[in-house]
Protein backbone atom coordinates (compact mmCIF):
# COMPACT_ATOMS: atom_id res chain seq x y z
CA UNK A 1 0.00 -0.01 -0.01
CA UNK A 2 1.32 3.43 -0.89
CA UNK A 3 0.31 6.50 1.02
CA UNK A 4 0.70 10.08 -0.08
CA UNK A 5 0.63 12.66 2.69
CA UNK A 6 0.51 16.34 2.04
CA UNK A 7 1.85 18.63 4.80
CA UNK A 8 1.70 22.40 4.97
CA UNK A 9 4.04 23.80 7.53
CA UNK A 10 3.99 27.50 8.52
CA UNK A 11 6.75 28.77 10.77
CA UNK A 12 6.80 32.21 12.23
CA UNK A 13 9.53 33.94 14.24
CA UNK A 14 13.10 35.11 13.81
CA UNK A 15 16.44 34.61 15.49
CA UNK A 16 15.71 37.56 17.81
CA UNK A 17 12.39 36.12 18.98
CA UNK A 18 12.09 34.33 22.26
CA UNK A 19 9.28 32.16 20.94
CA UNK A 20 8.62 30.45 17.66
CA UNK A 21 5.14 29.29 16.61
CA UNK A 22 4.17 26.66 14.05
CA UNK A 23 0.95 25.66 12.28
CA UNK A 24 0.80 22.23 10.57
CA UNK A 25 -1.99 21.09 8.31
CA UNK A 26 -1.63 17.57 6.94
CA UNK A 27 -3.90 15.13 5.15
CA UNK A 28 -3.93 11.70 3.51
CA UNK A 29 -6.73 9.46 2.27
CA UNK A 30 -7.53 8.39 5.81
CA UNK A 31 -6.08 10.93 8.25
CA UNK A 32 -6.29 14.62 8.98
CA UNK A 33 -4.06 16.78 11.16
CA UNK A 34 -4.25 20.43 12.14
CA UNK A 35 -1.95 21.59 14.93
CA UNK A 36 -0.71 24.87 16.42
CA UNK A 37 2.50 24.88 18.46
CA UNK A 38 4.63 27.38 20.32
CA UNK A 39 8.34 27.01 21.13
CA UNK A 40 8.34 23.30 20.44
CA UNK A 41 5.10 22.45 22.36
CA UNK A 42 1.74 21.62 20.90
CA UNK A 43 -0.86 24.15 22.11
CA UNK A 44 -3.96 23.27 20.08
CA UNK A 45 -5.09 20.57 17.69
CA UNK A 46 -8.24 19.86 15.78
CA UNK A 47 -10.14 16.76 16.86
CA UNK A 48 -11.96 15.82 13.64
CA UNK A 49 -13.88 12.97 15.41
CA UNK A 50 -15.34 15.16 18.17
CA UNK A 51 -15.52 18.15 15.76
CA UNK A 52 -13.79 20.68 17.99
CA UNK A 53 -10.46 22.32 18.74
CA UNK A 54 -8.65 20.82 21.71
CA UNK A 55 -6.25 22.73 23.95
CA UNK A 56 -3.27 20.58 25.03
CA UNK A 57 -2.01 23.10 27.55
CA UNK A 58 -1.54 21.47 31.01
CA UNK A 59 -4.41 21.90 33.48
CA UNK A 60 -2.35 24.33 35.61
CA UNK A 61 -1.76 26.66 32.59
CA UNK A 62 -3.99 29.37 31.30
CA UNK A 63 -6.62 27.95 28.91
CA UNK A 64 -6.34 28.90 25.21
CA UNK A 65 -9.49 29.86 23.41
CA UNK A 66 -9.63 29.95 19.60
CA UNK A 67 -13.29 30.27 18.62
CA UNK A 68 -12.85 29.79 14.87
CA UNK A 69 -9.86 27.43 14.82
CA UNK A 70 -11.88 24.25 14.20
CA UNK A 71 -13.85 25.83 11.31
CA UNK A 72 -10.57 27.05 9.81
CA UNK A 73 -9.06 23.57 10.20
CA UNK A 74 -12.00 22.02 8.34
CA UNK A 75 -11.56 24.57 5.50
CA UNK A 76 -7.88 23.92 5.29
CA UNK A 77 -8.48 20.19 5.09
CA UNK A 78 -10.61 20.83 2.03
CA UNK A 79 -7.71 22.69 0.43
CA UNK A 80 -5.27 20.01 1.52
CA UNK A 81 -7.41 17.28 -0.04
CA UNK A 82 -7.67 19.23 -3.32
CA UNK A 83 -3.90 19.69 -3.38
CA UNK A 84 -3.45 16.05 -2.66
CA UNK A 85 -5.59 15.07 -5.69
CA UNK A 86 -3.54 17.38 -7.87
CA UNK A 87 -0.25 16.00 -6.55
CA UNK A 88 -1.40 12.48 -7.32
CA UNK A 89 -1.76 13.31 -11.00
CA UNK A 90 1.94 14.31 -11.21
CA UNK A 91 3.58 11.96 -8.70
CA UNK A 92 3.54 8.23 -9.44
CA UNK A 93 5.36 5.25 -8.03
CA UNK A 94 6.30 6.81 -4.73
CA UNK A 95 8.18 4.42 -2.52
CA UNK A 96 6.58 3.87 0.83
CA UNK A 97 8.93 5.04 3.51
CA UNK A 98 8.60 3.24 6.80
CA UNK A 99 10.64 4.21 9.83
CA UNK A 100 10.08 1.90 12.83
CA UNK A 101 9.91 3.35 16.33
CA UNK A 102 13.02 2.78 18.49
CA UNK A 103 12.70 0.60 21.57
CA UNK A 104 9.91 2.04 23.76
CA UNK A 105 10.94 4.11 26.79
CA UNK A 106 9.02 3.13 29.88
CA UNK A 107 9.19 5.19 33.06
CA UNK A 108 7.11 6.46 36.02
CA UNK A 109 5.92 10.06 35.80
CA UNK A 110 6.75 10.79 39.47
CA UNK A 111 9.30 9.53 41.96
CA UNK A 112 8.16 6.13 43.21
CA UNK A 113 6.87 5.79 46.77
CA UNK A 114 5.67 2.39 48.14
CA UNK A 115 1.94 1.76 47.55
CA UNK A 116 1.38 5.34 46.30
CA UNK A 117 -0.50 6.06 43.08
CA UNK A 118 1.60 7.06 40.07
CA UNK A 119 1.48 7.12 36.26
CA UNK A 120 3.49 4.85 34.02
CA UNK A 121 4.52 6.45 30.70
CA UNK A 122 5.42 4.61 27.50
CA UNK A 123 7.14 6.72 24.78
CA UNK A 124 7.52 5.81 21.10
CA UNK A 125 9.90 7.92 19.01
CA UNK A 126 11.44 8.16 15.59
CA UNK A 127 8.65 6.48 13.63
CA UNK A 128 6.92 7.21 10.35
CA UNK A 129 4.12 7.25 9.41
CA UNK A 130 1.94 7.90 12.49
CA UNK A 131 0.45 6.42 14.60
CA UNK A 132 1.83 3.51 16.63
CA UNK A 133 -0.51 1.16 18.54
CA UNK A 134 0.24 0.64 22.20
CA UNK A 135 -0.61 -2.48 24.24
CA UNK A 136 -0.14 -2.64 28.00
CA UNK A 137 0.01 -5.69 30.25
CA UNK A 138 0.30 -6.24 34.04
CA UNK A 139 1.61 -9.65 35.01
CA UNK A 140 0.88 -10.89 31.51
CA UNK A 141 -2.77 -9.71 31.44
CA UNK A 142 -3.79 -7.08 28.91
CA UNK A 143 -4.86 -3.72 30.38
CA UNK A 144 -7.54 -1.71 28.65
CA UNK A 145 -7.49 1.52 30.70
CA UNK A 146 -4.60 3.31 28.97
CA UNK A 147 -4.64 6.71 27.34
CA UNK A 148 -2.81 7.63 24.17
CA UNK A 149 -1.60 11.06 23.01
CA UNK A 150 -1.73 12.31 19.47
CA UNK A 151 1.42 11.75 17.42
CA UNK A 152 3.71 14.76 17.65
CA UNK A 153 5.74 15.67 14.58
CA UNK A 154 9.47 16.12 15.09
CA UNK A 155 12.00 18.28 13.15
CA UNK A 156 13.34 15.19 11.32
CA UNK A 157 9.77 14.48 10.00
CA UNK A 158 9.31 11.42 12.26
CA UNK A 159 6.82 11.28 15.10
CA UNK A 160 6.78 10.84 18.89
CA UNK A 161 3.74 9.51 20.75
CA UNK A 162 2.96 8.63 24.40
CA UNK A 163 0.66 6.25 26.22
CA UNK A 164 0.01 6.22 29.96
CA UNK A 165 -1.66 4.01 32.55
CA UNK A 166 -2.50 4.83 36.13
CA UNK A 167 -0.80 2.81 38.85
CA UNK A 168 -3.46 3.18 41.53
CA UNK A 169 -2.16 0.58 44.04
CA UNK A 170 1.21 -0.67 42.84
CA UNK A 171 2.28 -3.81 44.59
CA UNK A 172 5.73 -5.36 44.98
CA UNK A 173 6.61 -7.79 42.22
CA UNK A 174 4.08 -6.55 39.63
CA UNK A 175 5.57 -6.52 36.12
CA UNK A 176 4.16 -4.12 33.51
CA UNK A 177 4.92 -4.17 29.80
CA UNK A 178 4.31 -1.75 26.91
CA UNK A 179 4.36 -3.05 23.38
CA UNK A 180 4.46 -0.98 20.18
CA UNK A 181 2.96 -2.11 16.90
CA UNK A 182 3.80 -0.29 13.69
CA UNK A 183 3.81 -1.22 10.00
CA UNK A 184 7.64 -0.96 9.93
CA UNK A 185 7.99 -3.57 12.72
CA UNK A 186 7.84 -7.31 11.92
CA UNK A 187 6.81 -8.02 15.53
CA UNK A 188 5.87 -5.71 18.42
CA UNK A 189 8.65 -3.92 20.26
CA UNK A 190 8.15 -4.53 24.00
CA UNK A 191 9.68 -3.07 27.19
CA UNK A 192 9.14 -4.49 30.69
CA UNK A 193 8.94 -2.44 33.90
CA UNK A 194 8.83 -3.35 37.52
CA UNK A 195 9.59 -1.21 40.53
CA UNK A 196 12.07 -3.91 41.54
CA UNK A 197 13.71 -4.82 38.15
């Protein structure tokens, strides 16, 4: 299967600026992306399933409001799809580039304290195309209560993505694993974690 992805990247700022902002609009036959970032951090992205703009600023930060951002993202997707159709007429036999994610990084969000709640983070980096699929287990049993971030574009045109699970009552000897599935991997890449490994 060959996939053509069209990306429009708008960078603003100069060497004298303290902050640099970015706006990315991307589309393919199956996916859409519209994201605003500031100084290397994602601030807003369009959620085309829920049909709204989502702020990714941490809860302790000032909320960002952008009343027309989702409508603008929908309009830009129409332009992106039109440009994609035009590009297909002139570009044929594109090789499919697949970059597998590196070994997953698996770490607790906070310093571990015995029997205290925490969050376990699994990070996938350096892959293309997005997304990766995450699977979590505890003591060999699949967990279904994980959350997954959007895939964040990196300067080398690969992606980074995170998944987390809550450790509500961690117990001694429990072993967690995070596995990554991606079209560039022949088998899932898995990392084990235990407080006592």
